[in-house]
């Protein structure tokens, strides 16, 4: 359910304090656990380390992110892959194709210098 427009967007006050304390910079990461905080225009250009339950994932704030929540950009679940017999066959085919391509590349590279002589 959306937050009432008369209340305005919620941003954690501690996060706003940290924002005023830290400066812009490539190595400055502001760590936060406040995944529910909405991204405001003042946050553009900063890098936040958003906690996903295990560690802090760096999120660079851009103009398109304004209005979204910080937690949207730090997934809490890790997708491994779908399993099954068909998936294994597809992976084996991809590996074989990659091996064939790698074997063909050195052979073509060795033939080209010989042709120039």
PDB file of N, CA and C in Angstrom:
ATOM      1  N   UNK A   1       0.842  -1.179   0.000  1.00  0.00           N
ATOM      2  CA  UNK A   1       0.000   0.000   0.000  1.00  0.00           C
ATOM      3  C   UNK A   1       0.890   1.246   0.000  1.00  0.00           C
ATOM      4  N   UNK A   2       0.517   2.209  -0.796  1.00  0.00           N
ATOM      5  CA  UNK A   2       1.326   3.421  -0.951  1.00  0.00           C
ATOM      6  C   UNK A   2       1.179   4.341   0.261  1.00  0.00           C
ATOM      7  N   UNK A   3       2.197   5.127   0.496  1.00  0.00           N
ATOM      8  CA  UNK A   3       2.178   6.097   1.583  1.00  0.00           C
ATOM      9  C   UNK A   3       1.343   7.296   1.152  1.00  0.00           C
ATOM     10  N   UNK A   4       0.628   7.887   2.088  1.00  0.00           N
ATOM     11  CA  UNK A   4      -0.225   9.036   1.805  1.00  0.00           C
ATOM     12  C   UNK A   4       0.586  10.202   1.254  1.00  0.00           C
ATOM     13  N   UNK A   5       0.071  10.876   0.253  1.00  0.00           N
ATOM     14  CA  UNK A   5       0.774  11.998  -0.359  1.00  0.00           C
ATOM     15  C   UNK A   5       0.933  13.163   0.604  1.00  0.00           C
ATOM     16  N   UNK A   6      -0.021  13.342   1.517  1.00  0.00           N
ATOM     17  CA  UNK A   6       0.093  14.466   2.458  1.00  0.00           C
ATOM     18  C   UNK A   6       1.242  14.258   3.449  1.00  0.00           C
ATOM     19  N   UNK A   7       1.629  13.003   3.696  1.00  0.00           N
ATOM     20  CA  UNK A   7       2.751  12.730   4.597  1.00  0.00           C
ATOM     21  C   UNK A   7       4.090  12.938   3.907  1.00  0.00           C
ATOM     22  N   UNK A   8       4.146  12.742   2.626  1.00  0.00           N
ATOM     23  CA  UNK A   8       5.398  12.892   1.901  1.00  0.00           C
ATOM     24  C   UNK A   8       6.225  11.628   1.942  1.00  0.00           C
ATOM     25  N   UNK A   9       7.343  11.604   1.204  1.00  0.00           N
ATOM     26  CA  UNK A   9       8.174  10.397   1.169  1.00  0.00           C
ATOM     27  C   UNK A   9       8.907  10.192   2.490  1.00  0.00           C
ATOM     28  N   UNK A  10       9.088   8.924   2.874  1.00  0.00           N
ATOM     29  CA  UNK A  10       9.808   8.620   4.106  1.00  0.00           C
ATOM     30  C   UNK A  10      11.280   8.381   3.796  1.00  0.00           C
ATOM     31  N   UNK A  11      12.117   9.118   4.460  1.00  0.00           N
ATOM     32  CA  UNK A  11      13.557   8.884   4.426  1.00  0.00           C
ATOM     33  C   UNK A  11      14.033   8.921   5.867  1.00  0.00           C
ATOM     34  N   UNK A  12      14.783   7.933   6.260  1.00  0.00           N
ATOM     35  CA  UNK A  12      15.263   7.812   7.631  1.00  0.00           C
ATOM     36  C   UNK A  12      16.044   9.066   8.035  1.00  0.00           C
ATOM     37  N   UNK A  13      15.703   9.697   9.154  1.00  0.00           N
ATOM     38  CA  UNK A  13      16.429  10.903   9.592  1.00  0.00           C
ATOM     39  C   UNK A  13      17.917  10.659   9.815  1.00  0.00           C
ATOM     40  N   UNK A  14      18.284   9.466  10.310  1.00  0.00           N
ATOM     41  CA  UNK A  14      19.703   9.148  10.508  1.00  0.00           C
ATOM     42  C   UNK A  14      20.439   9.136   9.175  1.00  0.00           C
ATOM     43  N   UNK A  15      19.750   8.664   8.138  1.00  0.00           N
ATOM     44  CA  UNK A  15      20.356   8.601   6.808  1.00  0.00           C
ATOM     45  C   UNK A  15      20.593  10.005   6.265  1.00  0.00           C
ATOM     46  N   UNK A  16      19.652  10.896   6.507  1.00  0.00           N
ATOM     47  CA  UNK A  16      19.816  12.287   6.056  1.00  0.00           C
ATOM     48  C   UNK A  16      20.969  12.955   6.799  1.00  0.00           C
ATOM     49  N   UNK A  17      21.143  12.617   8.093  1.00  0.00           N
ATOM     50  CA  UNK A  17      22.258  13.151   8.871  1.00  0.00           C
ATOM     51  C   UNK A  17      23.588  12.687   8.300  1.00  0.00           C
ATOM     52  N   UNK A  18      23.660  11.381   7.979  1.00  0.00           N
ATOM     53  CA  UNK A  18      24.875  10.823   7.394  1.00  0.00           C
ATOM     54  C   UNK A  18      25.171  11.478   6.046  1.00  0.00           C
ATOM     55  N   UNK A  19      24.113  11.766   5.297  1.00  0.00           N
ATOM     56  CA  UNK A  19      24.264  12.361   3.976  1.00  0.00           C
ATOM     57  C   UNK A  19      24.910  13.734   4.070  1.00  0.00           C
ATOM     58  N   UNK A  20      24.520  14.504   5.083  1.00  0.00           N
ATOM     59  CA  UNK A  20      25.100  15.842   5.237  1.00  0.00           C
ATOM     60  C   UNK A  20      26.533  15.769   5.775  1.00  0.00           C
ATOM     61  N   UNK A  21      26.856  14.699   6.502  1.00  0.00           N
ATOM     62  CA  UNK A  21      28.184  14.558   7.099  1.00  0.00           C
ATOM     63  C   UNK A  21      29.228  14.125   6.070  1.00  0.00           C
ATOM     64  N   UNK A  22      28.859  13.210   5.156  1.00  0.00           N
ATOM     65  CA  UNK A  22      29.800  12.692   4.174  1.00  0.00           C
ATOM     66  C   UNK A  22      29.798  13.564   2.921  1.00  0.00           C
ATOM     67  N   UNK A  23      30.937  13.582   2.238  1.00  0.00           N
ATOM     68  CA  UNK A  23      31.046  14.327   0.990  1.00  0.00           C
ATOM     69  C   UNK A  23      31.001  13.397  -0.200  1.00  0.00           C
ATOM     70  N   UNK A  24      30.949  13.987  -1.382  1.00  0.00           N
ATOM     71  CA  UNK A  24      30.993  13.193  -2.611  1.00  0.00           C
ATOM     72  C   UNK A  24      32.402  12.655  -2.804  1.00  0.00           C
ATOM     73  N   UNK A  25      32.507  11.515  -3.411  1.00  0.00           N
ATOM     74  CA  UNK A  25      33.811  10.953  -3.713  1.00  0.00           C
ATOM     75  C   UNK A  25      33.664   9.540  -4.235  1.00  0.00           C
ATOM     76  N   UNK A  26      34.637   9.085  -5.000  1.00  0.00           N
ATOM     77  CA  UNK A  26      34.530   7.742  -5.562  1.00  0.00           C
ATOM     78  C   UNK A  26      34.668   6.638  -4.513  1.00  0.00           C
ATOM     79  N   UNK A  27      35.394   6.910  -3.434  1.00  0.00           N
ATOM     80  CA  UNK A  27      35.615   5.885  -2.425  1.00  0.00           C
ATOM     81  C   UNK A  27      34.728   6.035  -1.201  1.00  0.00           C
ATOM     82  N   UNK A  28      33.820   7.001  -1.200  1.00  0.00           N
ATOM     83  CA  UNK A  28      32.952   7.231  -0.049  1.00  0.00           C
ATOM     84  C   UNK A  28      31.682   6.392  -0.209  1.00  0.00           C
ATOM     85  N   UNK A  29      31.486   5.433   0.699  1.00  0.00           N
ATOM     86  CA  UNK A  29      30.289   4.599   0.697  1.00  0.00           C
ATOM     87  C   UNK A  29      29.580   4.810   2.024  1.00  0.00           C
ATOM     88  N   UNK A  30      28.325   5.227   1.967  1.00  0.00           N
ATOM     89  CA  UNK A  30      27.528   5.467   3.170  1.00  0.00           C
ATOM     90  C   UNK A  30      26.761   4.188   3.475  1.00  0.00           C
ATOM     91  N   UNK A  31      27.126   3.515   4.568  1.00  0.00           N
ATOM     92  CA  UNK A  31      26.462   2.264   4.930  1.00  0.00           C
ATOM     93  C   UNK A  31      25.124   2.552   5.584  1.00  0.00           C
ATOM     94  N   UNK A  32      24.107   1.742   5.211  1.00  0.00           N
ATOM     95  CA  UNK A  32      22.792   1.913   5.802  1.00  0.00           C
ATOM     96  C   UNK A  32      22.052   0.584   5.871  1.00  0.00           C
ATOM     97  N   UNK A  33      21.230   0.456   6.895  1.00  0.00           N
ATOM     98  CA  UNK A  33      20.341  -0.689   7.036  1.00  0.00           C
ATOM     99  C   UNK A  33      18.919  -0.283   6.655  1.00  0.00           C
ATOM    100  N   UNK A  34      18.711   0.983   6.360  1.00  0.00           N
ATOM    101  CA  UNK A  34      17.378   1.515   6.100  1.00  0.00           C
ATOM    102  C   UNK A  34      16.970   1.267   4.652  1.00  0.00           C
ATOM    103  N   UNK A  35      16.524   0.043   4.378  1.00  0.00           N
ATOM    104  CA  UNK A  35      16.099  -0.333   3.029  1.00  0.00           C
ATOM    105  C   UNK A  35      14.778   0.323   2.660  1.00  0.00           C
ATOM    106  N   UNK A  36      14.000   0.744   3.646  1.00  0.00           N
ATOM    107  CA  UNK A  36      12.670   1.308   3.398  1.00  0.00           C
ATOM    108  C   UNK A  36      12.715   2.782   3.023  1.00  0.00           C
ATOM    109  N   UNK A  37      13.868   3.404   3.142  1.00  0.00           N
ATOM    110  CA  UNK A  37      13.983   4.837   2.835  1.00  0.00           C
ATOM    111  C   UNK A  37      13.847   5.089   1.345  1.00  0.00           C
ATOM    112  N   UNK A  38      13.082   6.134   1.038  1.00  0.00           N
ATOM    113  CA  UNK A  38      12.891   6.496  -0.353  1.00  0.00           C
ATOM    114  C   UNK A  38      14.055   7.358  -0.824  1.00  0.00           C
ATOM    115  N   UNK A  39      14.423   7.214  -2.088  1.00  0.00           N
ATOM    116  CA  UNK A  39      15.526   7.978  -2.652  1.00  0.00           C
ATOM    117  C   UNK A  39      15.023   9.366  -3.016  1.00  0.00           C
ATOM    118  N   UNK A  40      15.729  10.389  -2.520  1.00  0.00           N
ATOM    119  CA  UNK A  40      15.359  11.777  -2.777  1.00  0.00           C
ATOM    120  C   UNK A  40      16.373  12.410  -3.733  1.00  0.00           C
ATOM    121  N   UNK A  41      16.034  13.547  -4.331  1.00  0.00           N
ATOM    122  CA  UNK A  41      16.969  14.197  -5.260  1.00  0.00           C
ATOM    123  C   UNK A  41      18.301  14.599  -4.624  1.00  0.00           C
ATOM    124  N   UNK A  42      18.342  14.808  -3.315  1.00  0.00           N
ATOM    125  CA  UNK A  42      19.598  15.176  -2.651  1.00  0.00           C
ATOM    126  C   UNK A  42      20.601  14.030  -2.649  1.00  0.00           C
ATOM    127  N   UNK A  43      20.132  12.810  -2.852  1.00  0.00           N
ATOM    128  CA  UNK A  43      20.991  11.627  -2.790  1.00  0.00           C
ATOM    129  C   UNK A  43      21.705  11.335  -4.105  1.00  0.00           C
ATOM    130  N   UNK A  44      21.364  12.032  -5.167  1.00  0.00           N
ATOM    131  CA  UNK A  44      21.941  11.752  -6.484  1.00  0.00           C
ATOM    132  C   UNK A  44      23.454  11.966  -6.436  1.00  0.00           C
ATOM    133  N   UNK A  45      24.181  10.988  -6.947  1.00  0.00           N
ATOM    134  CA  UNK A  45      25.632  11.073  -7.002  1.00  0.00           C
ATOM    135  C   UNK A  45      26.333  10.379  -5.849  1.00  0.00           C
ATOM    136  N   UNK A  46      25.620  10.059  -4.797  1.00  0.00           N
ATOM    137  CA  UNK A  46      26.219   9.374  -3.654  1.00  0.00           C
ATOM    138  C   UNK A  46      26.195   7.868  -3.883  1.00  0.00           C
ATOM    139  N   UNK A  47      27.038   7.150  -3.142  1.00  0.00           N
ATOM    140  CA  UNK A  47      27.053   5.690  -3.165  1.00  0.00           C
ATOM    141  C   UNK A  47      26.667   5.200  -1.783  1.00  0.00           C
ATOM    142  N   UNK A  48      25.638   4.364  -1.737  1.00  0.00           N
ATOM    143  CA  UNK A  48      25.157   3.808  -0.477  1.00  0.00           C
ATOM    144  C   UNK A  48      25.479   2.327  -0.430  1.00  0.00           C
ATOM    145  N   UNK A  49      25.906   1.871   0.729  1.00  0.00           N
ATOM    146  CA  UNK A  49      26.083   0.450   0.981  1.00  0.00           C
ATOM    147  C   UNK A  49      24.818  -0.042   1.650  1.00  0.00           C
ATOM    148  N   UNK A  50      23.917  -0.658   0.875  1.00  0.00           N
ATOM    149  CA  UNK A  50      22.619  -1.081   1.395  1.00  0.00           C
ATOM    150  C   UNK A  50      22.730  -2.525   1.871  1.00  0.00           C
ATOM    151  N   UNK A  51      22.336  -2.767   3.115  1.00  0.00           N
ATOM    152  CA  UNK A  51      22.451  -4.085   3.720  1.00  0.00           C
ATOM    153  C   UNK A  51      21.386  -5.020   3.150  1.00  0.00           C
ATOM    154  N   UNK A  52      21.804  -6.217   2.744  1.00  0.00           N
ATOM    155  CA  UNK A  52      20.841  -7.173   2.192  1.00  0.00           C
ATOM    156  C   UNK A  52      20.578  -8.336   3.145  1.00  0.00           C
ATOM    157  N   UNK A  53      21.014  -8.214   4.375  1.00  0.00           N
ATOM    158  CA  UNK A  53      20.833  -9.271   5.355  1.00  0.00           C
ATOM    159  C   UNK A  53      22.116 -10.005   5.639  1.00  0.00           C
ATOM    160  N   UNK A  54      23.077  -9.916   4.718  1.00  0.00           N
ATOM    161  CA  UNK A  54      24.359 -10.584   4.905  1.00  0.00           C
ATOM    162  C   UNK A  54      25.508  -9.591   4.812  1.00  0.00           C
ATOM    163  N   UNK A  55      25.519  -8.778   3.756  1.00  0.00           N
ATOM    164  CA  UNK A  55      26.579  -7.791   3.598  1.00  0.00           C
ATOM    165  C   UNK A  55      26.009  -6.534   2.935  1.00  0.00           C
ATOM    166  N   UNK A  56      26.852  -5.555   2.717  1.00  0.00           N
ATOM    167  CA  UNK A  56      26.425  -4.282   2.150  1.00  0.00           C
ATOM    168  C   UNK A  56      26.728  -4.263   0.655  1.00  0.00           C
ATOM    169  N   UNK A  57      25.698  -4.054  -0.157  1.00  0.00           N
ATOM    170  CA  UNK A  57      25.888  -3.974  -1.604  1.00  0.00           C
ATOM    171  C   UNK A  57      25.944  -2.507  -2.011  1.00  0.00           C
ATOM    172  N   UNK A  58      26.965  -2.110  -2.782  1.00  0.00           N
ATOM    173  CA  UNK A  58      27.076  -0.704  -3.192  1.00  0.00           C
ATOM    174  C   UNK A  58      26.011  -0.341  -4.233  1.00  0.00           C
ATOM    175  N   UNK A  59      25.328   0.776  -3.987  1.00  0.00           N
ATOM    176  CA  UNK A  59      24.295   1.265  -4.896  1.00  0.00           C
ATOM    177  C   UNK A  59      24.636   2.708  -5.247  1.00  0.00           C
ATOM    178  N   UNK A  60      24.958   2.960  -6.520  1.00  0.00           N
ATOM    179  CA  UNK A  60      25.222   4.322  -6.992  1.00  0.00           C
ATOM    180  C   UNK A  60      23.890   4.952  -7.378  1.00  0.00           C
ATOM    181  N   UNK A  61      23.563   6.063  -6.764  1.00  0.00           N
ATOM    182  CA  UNK A  61      22.270   6.698  -6.984  1.00  0.00           C
ATOM    183  C   UNK A  61      22.326   7.556  -8.240  1.00  0.00           C
ATOM    184  N   UNK A  62      21.358   7.318  -9.144  1.00  0.00           N
ATOM    185  CA  UNK A  62      21.237   8.111 -10.362  1.00  0.00           C
ATOM    186  C   UNK A  62      19.882   8.805 -10.377  1.00  0.00           C
ATOM    187  N   UNK A  63      19.676   9.634 -11.366  1.00  0.00           N
ATOM    188  CA  UNK A  63      18.456  10.432 -11.449  1.00  0.00           C
ATOM    189  C   UNK A  63      17.200   9.575 -11.629  1.00  0.00           C
ATOM    190  N   UNK A  64      17.337   8.442 -12.317  1.00  0.00           N
ATOM    191  CA  UNK A  64      16.173   7.585 -12.583  1.00  0.00           C
ATOM    192  C   UNK A  64      15.683   6.859 -11.332  1.00  0.00           C
ATOM    193  N   UNK A  65      16.508   6.797 -10.290  1.00  0.00           N
ATOM    194  CA  UNK A  65      16.163   6.063  -9.067  1.00  0.00           C
ATOM    195  C   UNK A  65      15.322   6.876  -8.099  1.00  0.00           C
ATOM    196  N   UNK A  66      15.187   8.169  -8.328  1.00  0.00           N
ATOM    197  CA  UNK A  66      14.447   9.025  -7.398  1.00  0.00           C
ATOM    198  C   UNK A  66      13.007   8.538  -7.308  1.00  0.00           C
ATOM    199  N   UNK A  67      12.513   8.385  -6.067  1.00  0.00           N
ATOM    200  CA  UNK A  67      11.152   7.915  -5.836  1.00  0.00           C
ATOM    201  C   UNK A  67      11.087   6.443  -5.491  1.00  0.00           C
ATOM    202  N   UNK A  68      12.141   5.693  -5.798  1.00  0.00           N
ATOM    203  CA  UNK A  68      12.191   4.278  -5.451  1.00  0.00           C
ATOM    204  C   UNK A  68      12.779   4.118  -4.057  1.00  0.00           C
ATOM    205  N   UNK A  69      12.726   2.903  -3.537  1.00  0.00           N
ATOM    206  CA  UNK A  69      13.293   2.618  -2.219  1.00  0.00           C
ATOM    207  C   UNK A  69      14.705   2.068  -2.381  1.00  0.00           C
ATOM    208  N   UNK A  70      15.537   2.264  -1.360  1.00  0.00           N
ATOM    209  CA  UNK A  70      16.906   1.755  -1.411  1.00  0.00           C
ATOM    210  C   UNK A  70      16.939   0.231  -1.492  1.00  0.00           C
ATOM    211  N   UNK A  71      16.010  -0.435  -0.832  1.00  0.00           N
ATOM    212  CA  UNK A  71      15.977  -1.892  -0.813  1.00  0.00           C
ATOM    213  C   UNK A  71      15.705  -2.526  -2.163  1.00  0.00           C
ATOM    214  N   UNK A  72      15.143  -1.772  -3.095  1.00  0.00           N
ATOM    215  CA  UNK A  72      14.852  -2.318  -4.413  1.00  0.00           C
ATOM    216  C   UNK A  72      16.120  -2.641  -5.186  1.00  0.00           C
ATOM    217  N   UNK A  73      17.224  -1.997  -4.836  1.00  0.00           N
ATOM    218  CA  UNK A  73      18.462  -2.145  -5.576  1.00  0.00           C
ATOM    219  C   UNK A  73      19.466  -3.034  -4.848  1.00  0.00           C
ATOM    220  N   UNK A  74      19.030  -3.700  -3.786  1.00  0.00           N
ATOM    221  CA  UNK A  74      19.885  -4.612  -3.036  1.00  0.00           C
ATOM    222  C   UNK A  74      19.102  -5.897  -2.767  1.00  0.00           C
ATOM    223  N   UNK A  75      19.137  -6.849  -3.723  1.00  0.00           N
ATOM    224  CA  UNK A  75      18.324  -8.063  -3.561  1.00  0.00           C
ATOM    225  C   UNK A  75      18.763  -8.893  -2.356  1.00  0.00           C
ATOM    226  N   UNK A  76      17.776  -9.465  -1.669  1.00  0.00           N
ATOM    227  CA  UNK A  76      18.053 -10.240  -0.460  1.00  0.00           C
ATOM    228  C   UNK A  76      18.191 -11.727  -0.749  1.00  0.00           C
ATOM    229  N   UNK A  77      17.767 -12.148  -1.922  1.00  0.00           N
ATOM    230  CA  UNK A  77      17.846 -13.561  -2.268  1.00  0.00           C
ATOM    231  C   UNK A  77      18.771 -13.753  -3.465  1.00  0.00           C
ATOM    232  N   UNK A  78      19.519 -14.834  -3.444  1.00  0.00           N
ATOM    233  CA  UNK A  78      20.463 -15.118  -4.519  1.00  0.00           C
ATOM    234  C   UNK A  78      19.845 -16.155  -5.455  1.00  0.00           C
ATOM    235  N   UNK A  79      19.696 -15.806  -6.734  1.00  0.00           N
ATOM    236  CA  UNK A  79      19.182 -16.739  -7.719  1.00  0.00           C
ATOM    237  C   UNK A  79      20.344 -17.573  -8.234  1.00  0.00           C
ATOM    238  N   UNK A  80      20.258 -18.880  -8.085  1.00  0.00           N
ATOM    239  CA  UNK A  80      21.322 -19.753  -8.536  1.00  0.00           C
ATOM    240  C   UNK A  80      21.059 -20.102  -9.996  1.00  0.00           C
ATOM    241  N   UNK A  81      20.083 -20.924 -10.271  1.00  0.00           N
ATOM    242  CA  UNK A  81      19.628 -21.231 -11.625  1.00  0.00           C
ATOM    243  C   UNK A  81      18.528 -22.267 -11.538  1.00  0.00           C
ATOM    244  N   UNK A  82      17.792 -22.389 -12.625  1.00  0.00           N
ATOM    245  CA  UNK A  82      16.803 -23.443 -12.703  1.00  0.00           C
ATOM    246  C   UNK A  82      17.522 -24.730 -13.071  1.00  0.00           C
ATOM    247  N   UNK A  83      17.105 -25.807 -12.479  1.00  0.00           N
ATOM    248  CA  UNK A  83      17.780 -27.075 -12.730  1.00  0.00           C
ATOM    249  C   UNK A  83      17.024 -27.932 -13.721  1.00  0.00           C
ATOM    250  N   UNK A  84      17.349 -29.189 -13.728  1.00  0.00           N
ATOM    251  CA  UNK A  84      16.648 -30.132 -14.587  1.00  0.00           C
ATOM    252  C   UNK A  84      17.526 -30.672 -15.689  1.00  0.00           C
ATOM    253  N   UNK A  85      17.001 -31.702 -16.344  1.00  0.00           N
ATOM    254  CA  UNK A  85      17.737 -32.397 -17.385  1.00  0.00           C
ATOM    255  C   UNK A  85      17.967 -31.507 -18.605  1.00  0.00           C
ATOM    256  N   UNK A  86      16.958 -30.741 -18.993  1.00  0.00           N
ATOM    257  CA  UNK A  86      17.084 -29.874 -20.169  1.00  0.00           C
ATOM    258  C   UNK A  86      18.146 -28.801 -19.950  1.00  0.00           C
ATOM    259  N   UNK A  87      18.199 -28.257 -18.756  1.00  0.00           N
ATOM    260  CA  UNK A  87      19.176 -27.216 -18.455  1.00  0.00           C
ATOM    261  C   UNK A  87      20.594 -27.768 -18.547  1.00  0.00           C
ATOM    262  N   UNK A  88      20.821 -28.978 -18.052  1.00  0.00           N
ATOM    263  CA  UNK A  88      22.145 -29.592 -18.120  1.00  0.00           C
ATOM    264  C   UNK A  88      22.559 -29.816 -19.572  1.00  0.00           C
ATOM    265  N   UNK A  89      21.625 -30.252 -20.408  1.00  0.00           N
ATOM    266  CA  UNK A  89      21.929 -30.468 -21.821  1.00  0.00           C
ATOM    267  C   UNK A  89      22.300 -29.148 -22.502  1.00  0.00           C
ATOM    268  N   UNK A  90      21.558 -28.096 -22.193  1.00  0.00           N
ATOM    269  CA  UNK A  90      21.856 -26.794 -22.781  1.00  0.00           C
ATOM    270  C   UNK A  90      23.239 -26.299 -22.362  1.00  0.00           C
ATOM    271  N   UNK A  91      23.585 -26.488 -21.099  1.00  0.00           N
ATOM    272  CA  UNK A  91      24.901 -26.076 -20.607  1.00  0.00           C
ATOM    273  C   UNK A  91      26.019 -26.870 -21.272  1.00  0.00           C
ATOM    274  N   UNK A  92      25.803 -28.168 -21.470  1.00  0.00           N
ATOM    275  CA  UNK A  92      26.819 -29.003 -22.133  1.00  0.00           C
ATOM    276  C   UNK A  92      27.018 -28.557 -23.579  1.00  0.00           C
ATOM    277  N   UNK A  93      25.936 -28.250 -24.283  1.00  0.00           N
ATOM    278  CA  UNK A  93      26.032 -27.775 -25.662  1.00  0.00           C
ATOM    279  C   UNK A  93      26.789 -26.457 -25.730  1.00  0.00           C
ATOM    280  N   UNK A  94      26.524 -25.572 -24.778  1.00  0.00           N
ATOM    281  CA  UNK A  94      27.197 -24.273 -24.754  1.00  0.00           C
ATOM    282  C   UNK A  94      28.696 -24.456 -24.499  1.00  0.00           C
ATOM    283  N   UNK A  95      29.067 -25.366 -23.604  1.00  0.00           N
ATOM    284  CA  UNK A  95      30.481 -25.630 -23.319  1.00  0.00           C
ATOM    285  C   UNK A  95      31.193 -26.207 -24.537  1.00  0.00           C
ATOM    286  N   UNK A  96      30.539 -27.144 -25.227  1.00  0.00           N
ATOM    287  CA  UNK A  96      31.137 -27.751 -26.422  1.00  0.00           C
ATOM    288  C   UNK A  96      31.335 -26.706 -27.519  1.00  0.00           C
ATOM    289  N   UNK A  97      30.364 -25.834 -27.693  1.00  0.00           N
ATOM    290  CA  UNK A  97      30.467 -24.784 -28.709  1.00  0.00           C
ATOM    291  C   UNK A  97      31.606 -23.831 -28.361  1.00  0.00           C
ATOM    292  N   UNK A  98      31.751 -23.523 -27.073  1.00  0.00           N
ATOM    293  CA  UNK A  98      32.828 -22.633 -26.627  1.00  0.00           C
ATOM    294  C   UNK A  98      34.198 -23.274 -26.852  1.00  0.00           C
ATOM    295  N   UNK A  99      34.315 -24.574 -26.576  1.00  0.00           N
ATOM    296  CA  UNK A  99      35.576 -25.286 -26.798  1.00  0.00           C
ATOM    297  C   UNK A  99      35.929 -25.306 -28.282  1.00  0.00           C
ATOM    298  N   UNK A 100      34.932 -25.542 -29.131  1.00  0.00           N
ATOM    299  CA  UNK A 100      35.166 -25.579 -30.575  1.00  0.00           C
ATOM    300  C   UNK A 100      35.616 -24.212 -31.080  1.00  0.00           C
ATOM    301  N   UNK A 101      35.008 -23.166 -30.552  1.00  0.00           N
ATOM    302  CA  UNK A 101      35.368 -21.813 -30.958  1.00  0.00           C
ATOM    303  C   UNK A 101      36.792 -21.488 -30.506  1.00  0.00           C
ATOM    304  N   UNK A 102      37.145 -21.905 -29.296  1.00  0.00           N
ATOM    305  CA  UNK A 102      38.489 -21.652 -28.774  1.00  0.00           C
ATOM    306  C   UNK A 102      39.544 -22.437 -29.558  1.00  0.00           C
ATOM    307  N   UNK A 103      39.210 -23.641 -29.975  1.00  0.00           N
ATOM    308  CA  UNK A 103      40.150 -24.454 -30.746  1.00  0.00           C
ATOM    309  C   UNK A 103      40.328 -23.894 -32.151  1.00  0.00           C
ATOM    310  N   UNK A 104      39.271 -23.329 -32.717  1.00  0.00           N
ATOM    311  CA  UNK A 104      39.334 -22.786 -34.073  1.00  0.00           C
ATOM    312  C   UNK A 104      40.099 -21.463 -34.108  1.00  0.00           C
ATOM    313  N   UNK A 105      40.043 -20.689 -33.053  1.00  0.00           N
ATOM    314  CA  UNK A 105      40.698 -19.376 -33.025  1.00  0.00           C
ATOM    315  C   UNK A 105      42.221 -19.488 -33.101  1.00  0.00           C
ATOM    316  N   UNK A 106      42.905 -20.338 -32.311  1.00  0.00           N
ATOM    317  CA  UNK A 106      44.368 -20.433 -32.437  1.00  0.00           C
ATOM    318  C   UNK A 106      44.801 -20.985 -33.799  1.00  0.00           C
ATOM    319  N   UNK A 107      44.033 -21.898 -34.354  1.00  0.00           N
ATOM    320  CA  UNK A 107      44.365 -22.475 -35.651  1.00  0.00           C
ATOM    321  C   UNK A 107      44.285 -21.414 -36.727  1.00  0.00           C
ATOM    322  N   UNK A 108      43.276 -20.563 -36.672  1.00  0.00           N
ATOM    323  CA  UNK A 108      43.122 -19.489 -37.649  1.00  0.00           C
ATOM    324  C   UNK A 108      44.199 -18.432 -37.441  1.00  0.00           C
ATOM    325  N   UNK A 109      44.576 -18.174 -36.198  1.00  0.00           N
ATOM    326  CA  UNK A 109      45.612 -17.184 -35.888  1.00  0.00           C
ATOM    327  C   UNK A 109      46.985 -17.644 -36.364  1.00  0.00           C
ATOM    328  N   UNK A 110      47.268 -18.940 -36.302  1.00  0.00           N
ATOM    329  CA  UNK A 110      48.555 -19.476 -36.734  1.00  0.00           C
ATOM    330  C   UNK A 110      48.643 -19.500 -38.262  1.00  0.00           C
ATOM    331  N   UNK A 111      47.518 -19.697 -38.937  1.00  0.00           N
ATOM    332  CA  UNK A 111      47.522 -19.768 -40.401  1.00  0.00           C
ATOM    333  C   UNK A 111      47.704 -18.378 -41.017  1.00  0.00           C
ATOM    334  N   UNK A 112      47.211 -17.340 -40.374  1.00  0.00           N
ATOM    335  CA  UNK A 112      47.291 -15.999 -40.929  1.00  0.00           C
ATOM    336  C   UNK A 112      48.722 -15.499 -41.043  1.00  0.00           C
ATOM    337  N   UNK A 113      49.605 -15.635 -40.032  1.00  0.00           N
ATOM    338  CA  UNK A 113      50.982 -15.171 -40.178  1.00  0.00           C
ATOM    339  C   UNK A 113      51.753 -15.966 -41.237  1.00  0.00           C
ATOM    340  N   UNK A 114      51.446 -17.253 -41.393  1.00  0.00           N
ATOM    341  CA  UNK A 114      52.113 -18.072 -42.378  1.00  0.00           C
ATOM    342  C   UNK A 114      51.751 -17.622 -43.787  1.00  0.00           C
ATOM    343  N   UNK A 115      50.513 -17.178 -43.971  1.00  0.00           N
ATOM    344  CA  UNK A 115      50.056 -16.735 -45.290  1.00  0.00           C
ATOM    345  C   UNK A 115      50.741 -15.436 -45.687  1.00  0.00           C
ATOM    346  N   UNK A 116      51.108 -14.586 -44.713  1.00  0.00           N
ATOM    347  CA  UNK A 116      51.731 -13.301 -45.015  1.00  0.00           C
ATOM    348  C   UNK A 116      53.153 -13.457 -45.551  1.00  0.00           C
ATOM    349  N   UNK A 117      53.830 -14.534 -45.204  1.00  0.00           N
ATOM    350  CA  UNK A 117      55.226 -14.745 -45.621  1.00  0.00           C
ATOM    351  C   UNK A 117      55.278 -15.051 -47.040  1.00  0.00           C
TER     352      UNK A 117
END
